[in-house]
Amino acid sequence: MLDVLSLASTGLAFFIVAVSPGPATLSNATIAMSRGRRTSLVYGLGLSTGLVFWGVIAASGMGAVLRGSLYLLPLLKVLGGLYLLWLAFLSGRTAWRAAPETSVESRGSGWFLKGLLLNMSNPKSVIAWMAALSVGLDANDGMGAVVAATAVCILVGFLTNAMYSVVFSIDGMMRGYRRARRWVDGVTGVLFSLAGVGLIRSAFTR
């Protein structure tokens, strides 16, 4: 069984990965500022659940198989990149419009599904998981240690997404977004485009 220090090291490594700017955190922050805390928390729950999927893949050893696959991982990267480009189109379309198409606060399981699909569409997550787990685990650790480390990372993922939802939905952040909505959505679209193109390009490089 892992000791507390090893678990803390694994959790910290995963927190650094989870909190770093990327499509998931960027979209969660934007949704928190534009739609409000409740919607962002639902969306973040979907993001976190998508992380759990890749965590199970990594912890079960399938991550190494997926990473070494000649065709499967590149295919997933292409599909994920296309999904990011679709999100870029939606962000650009929103930025082009003079006014938001919906009210600030909205609810629905659709937001959970959107978050889930975003993180499940990014197979690079399994590599991040493997890197974080390797910080606290070694070859002599058994299944109990793997389960414990994975559970810590899952908890960190949920807390990180919740933190984004809370921080970016405070009044000051939302007021700032309303003033600069078109710029924020435009930049978000550009970043989604870059991430999508980068993911597709990585599918053809080994």
Protein backbone atom coordinates (compact mmCIF):
# COMPACT_ATOMS: atom_id res chain seq x y z
CA MET A 1 0.00 0.00 0.00
CA LEU A 2 1.26 3.47 -0.80
CA ASP A 3 2.28 5.71 2.07
CA VAL A 4 0.79 9.16 2.58
CA LEU A 5 3.76 10.94 1.01
CA SER A 6 3.56 8.87 -2.17
CA LEU A 7 -0.18 9.47 -2.43
CA ALA A 8 0.35 13.20 -1.89
CA SER A 9 3.02 13.25 -4.60
CA THR A 10 0.71 11.49 -7.04
CA GLY A 11 -2.15 13.85 -6.17
CA LEU A 12 0.05 16.92 -6.61
CA ALA A 13 1.32 15.68 -9.97
CA PHE A 14 -2.22 15.11 -11.17
CA PHE A 15 -3.36 18.50 -9.84
CA ILE A 16 -0.65 20.20 -11.91
CA VAL A 17 -1.92 18.35 -14.98
CA ALA A 18 -5.59 19.00 -14.22
CA VAL A 19 -5.25 22.70 -13.37
CA SER A 20 -3.04 23.55 -16.37
CA PRO A 21 -4.73 25.56 -19.14
CA GLY A 22 -6.22 23.30 -21.76
CA PRO A 23 -9.49 22.69 -23.64
CA ALA A 24 -11.27 21.33 -20.54
CA THR A 25 -10.26 24.04 -18.07
CA LEU A 26 -10.68 26.78 -20.67
CA SER A 27 -14.19 25.68 -21.56
CA ASN A 28 -15.16 25.23 -17.92
CA ALA A 29 -13.99 28.73 -17.06
CA THR A 30 -15.86 30.21 -20.03
CA ILE A 31 -19.07 28.37 -19.14
CA ALA A 32 -18.78 29.49 -15.50
CA MET A 33 -18.46 33.13 -16.58
CA SER A 34 -21.20 32.96 -19.20
CA ARG A 35 -23.75 30.48 -17.79
CA GLY A 36 -23.19 30.62 -14.04
CA ARG A 37 -22.00 28.37 -11.26
CA ARG A 38 -24.73 25.71 -11.37
CA THR A 39 -24.30 25.01 -15.08
CA SER A 40 -20.52 25.01 -14.78
CA LEU A 41 -20.63 22.54 -11.89
CA VAL A 42 -22.76 20.18 -13.99
CA TYR A 43 -20.38 20.62 -16.92
CA GLY A 44 -17.38 20.10 -14.62
CA LEU A 45 -18.96 16.91 -13.32
CA GLY A 46 -19.03 15.67 -16.90
CA LEU A 47 -15.40 16.66 -17.40
CA SER A 48 -14.40 14.82 -14.22
CA THR A 49 -16.31 11.72 -15.24
CA GLY A 50 -14.47 11.76 -18.55
CA LEU A 51 -11.21 11.87 -16.60
CA VAL A 52 -12.32 8.82 -14.62
CA PHE A 53 -12.73 6.91 -17.89
CA TRP A 54 -9.14 7.58 -18.93
CA GLY A 55 -7.93 6.94 -15.38
CA VAL A 56 -9.42 3.46 -15.39
CA ILE A 57 -7.81 2.84 -18.80
CA ALA A 58 -4.41 3.96 -17.50
CA ALA A 59 -4.62 2.10 -14.16
CA SER A 60 -5.72 -1.15 -15.79
CA GLY A 61 -2.65 -1.23 -18.00
CA MET A 62 -4.62 -0.61 -21.17
CA GLY A 63 -3.05 2.83 -21.37
CA ALA A 64 0.29 1.32 -22.36
CA VAL A 65 -1.44 -0.84 -24.97
CA LEU A 66 -3.32 2.15 -26.34
CA ARG A 67 -0.20 4.28 -26.42
CA GLY A 68 1.66 1.62 -28.37
CA SER A 69 -1.18 0.92 -30.80
CA LEU A 70 -0.34 1.62 -34.42
CA TYR A 71 -3.86 2.58 -35.45
CA LEU A 72 -6.21 2.98 -32.47
CA LEU A 73 -4.57 5.93 -30.72
CA PRO A 74 -4.07 7.93 -33.95
CA LEU A 75 -7.73 7.31 -34.84
CA LEU A 76 -8.88 8.54 -31.42
CA LYS A 77 -6.67 11.61 -31.77
CA VAL A 78 -8.18 12.46 -35.16
CA LEU A 79 -11.72 12.08 -33.82
CA GLY A 80 -10.86 14.13 -30.74
CA GLY A 81 -9.25 16.82 -32.88
CA LEU A 82 -12.32 17.04 -35.09
CA TYR A 83 -14.49 17.44 -32.00
CA LEU A 84 -12.27 20.28 -30.76
CA LEU A 85 -12.55 21.96 -34.15
CA TRP A 86 -16.35 21.68 -33.89
CA LEU A 87 -16.17 23.39 -30.49
CA ALA A 88 -13.98 26.06 -32.07
CA PHE A 89 -16.65 26.66 -34.70
CA LEU A 90 -19.34 26.98 -32.01
CA SER A 91 -17.22 29.45 -30.01
CA GLY A 92 -16.50 31.49 -33.13
CA ARG A 93 -20.18 31.57 -34.05
CA THR A 94 -21.06 32.77 -30.55
CA ALA A 95 -18.39 35.48 -30.73
CA TRP A 96 -19.78 36.67 -34.07
CA ARG A 97 -23.24 37.21 -32.66
CA ALA A 98 -24.03 40.54 -31.08
CA ALA A 99 -25.79 39.03 -28.05
CA PRO A 100 -25.79 35.70 -26.20
CA GLU A 101 -28.32 33.23 -27.55
CA THR A 102 -29.40 31.97 -24.11
CA SER A 103 -29.78 33.31 -20.59
CA VAL A 104 -26.86 33.35 -18.19
CA GLU A 105 -28.07 30.53 -15.96
CA SER A 106 -29.28 27.28 -17.51
CA ARG A 107 -29.59 23.70 -16.39
CA GLY A 108 -29.82 20.28 -17.97
CA SER A 109 -28.10 16.98 -18.43
CA GLY A 110 -26.88 18.23 -21.79
CA TRP A 111 -24.10 20.14 -20.08
CA PHE A 112 -22.93 17.00 -18.29
CA LEU A 113 -22.80 15.17 -21.62
CA LYS A 114 -20.86 18.02 -23.25
CA GLY A 115 -18.23 17.90 -20.50
CA LEU A 116 -18.07 14.13 -20.66
CA LEU A 117 -17.58 14.12 -24.43
CA LEU A 118 -14.90 16.80 -24.30
CA ASN A 119 -12.62 14.86 -21.96
CA MET A 120 -13.41 11.48 -23.49
CA SER A 121 -12.48 12.89 -26.91
CA ASN A 122 -8.93 13.64 -25.77
CA PRO A 123 -6.87 10.41 -25.68
CA LYS A 124 -3.83 12.40 -24.55
CA SER A 125 -5.45 12.28 -21.11
CA VAL A 126 -4.36 8.67 -20.71
CA ILE A 127 -0.73 9.74 -21.13
CA ALA A 128 -1.17 12.43 -18.47
CA TRP A 129 -2.70 9.83 -16.16
CA MET A 130 0.20 7.44 -16.69
CA ALA A 131 2.69 10.22 -15.97
CA ALA A 132 0.92 11.22 -12.73
CA LEU A 133 0.55 7.65 -11.49
CA SER A 134 4.20 6.95 -12.17
CA VAL A 135 5.20 9.66 -9.69
CA GLY A 136 4.00 7.69 -6.66
CA LEU A 137 3.98 4.12 -7.98
CA ASP A 138 6.79 1.73 -8.74
CA ALA A 139 7.07 -1.77 -10.17
CA ASN A 140 6.74 -3.42 -6.74
CA ASP A 141 3.39 -1.84 -5.86
CA GLY A 142 0.33 -4.07 -5.96
CA MET A 143 -3.22 -3.51 -7.09
CA GLY A 144 -4.18 -1.86 -3.80
CA ALA A 145 -1.60 0.85 -4.36
CA VAL A 146 -2.79 1.41 -7.92
CA VAL A 147 -6.41 1.70 -6.77
CA ALA A 148 -5.48 4.12 -3.98
CA ALA A 149 -3.41 6.35 -6.28
CA THR A 150 -6.14 6.33 -8.92
CA ALA A 151 -8.78 7.25 -6.31
CA VAL A 152 -6.66 10.20 -5.14
CA CYS A 153 -6.29 11.46 -8.71
CA ILE A 154 -10.03 11.09 -9.33
CA LEU A 155 -10.76 13.15 -6.20
CA VAL A 156 -8.26 15.80 -7.30
CA GLY A 157 -9.89 15.94 -10.74
CA PHE A 158 -13.37 16.52 -9.31
CA LEU A 159 -12.10 19.17 -6.87
CA THR A 160 -10.12 20.98 -9.57
CA ASN A 161 -13.09 21.25 -11.92
CA ALA A 162 -15.30 22.39 -9.04
CA MET A 163 -12.70 25.03 -8.15
CA TYR A 164 -12.81 26.40 -11.70
CA SER A 165 -16.60 26.52 -11.54
CA VAL A 166 -16.62 28.44 -8.27
CA VAL A 167 -13.78 30.87 -9.01
CA PHE A 168 -14.87 31.86 -12.50
CA SER A 169 -18.55 32.25 -11.59
CA ILE A 170 -18.04 35.00 -9.02
CA ASP A 171 -19.76 38.27 -9.88
CA GLY A 172 -16.61 40.10 -10.92
CA MET A 173 -15.62 37.39 -13.38
CA MET A 174 -19.11 37.24 -14.88
CA ARG A 175 -19.33 41.01 -15.25
CA GLY A 176 -15.94 41.04 -16.94
CA TYR A 177 -17.05 38.31 -19.31
CA ARG A 178 -20.20 40.20 -20.28
CA ARG A 179 -18.11 43.26 -21.14
CA ALA A 180 -15.60 41.28 -23.22
CA ARG A 181 -17.79 38.37 -24.29
CA ARG A 182 -16.99 38.47 -27.99
CA TRP A 183 -13.25 38.70 -27.36
CA VAL A 184 -13.31 35.86 -24.85
CA ASP A 185 -15.34 33.59 -27.12
CA GLY A 186 -13.17 34.52 -30.09
CA VAL A 187 -9.95 33.69 -28.27
CA THR A 188 -11.53 30.49 -26.97
CA GLY A 189 -12.38 29.51 -30.53
CA VAL A 190 -8.81 30.15 -31.68
CA LEU A 191 -7.38 28.09 -28.80
CA PHE A 192 -9.79 25.24 -29.51
CA SER A 193 -8.71 25.37 -33.16
CA LEU A 194 -5.04 25.19 -32.24
CA ALA A 195 -5.69 22.31 -29.83
CA GLY A 196 -7.73 20.45 -32.44
CA VAL A 197 -5.15 20.88 -35.20
CA GLY A 198 -2.36 19.94 -32.79
CA LEU A 199 -4.17 16.78 -31.74
CA ILE A 200 -4.77 15.76 -35.35
CA ARG A 201 -1.15 16.46 -36.28
CA SER A 202 0.06 14.36 -33.36
CA ALA A 203 -1.92 11.43 -34.78
CA PHE A 204 0.46 11.31 -37.74
CA THR A 205 3.70 11.67 -35.79
CA ARG A 206 5.22 8.89 -33.73
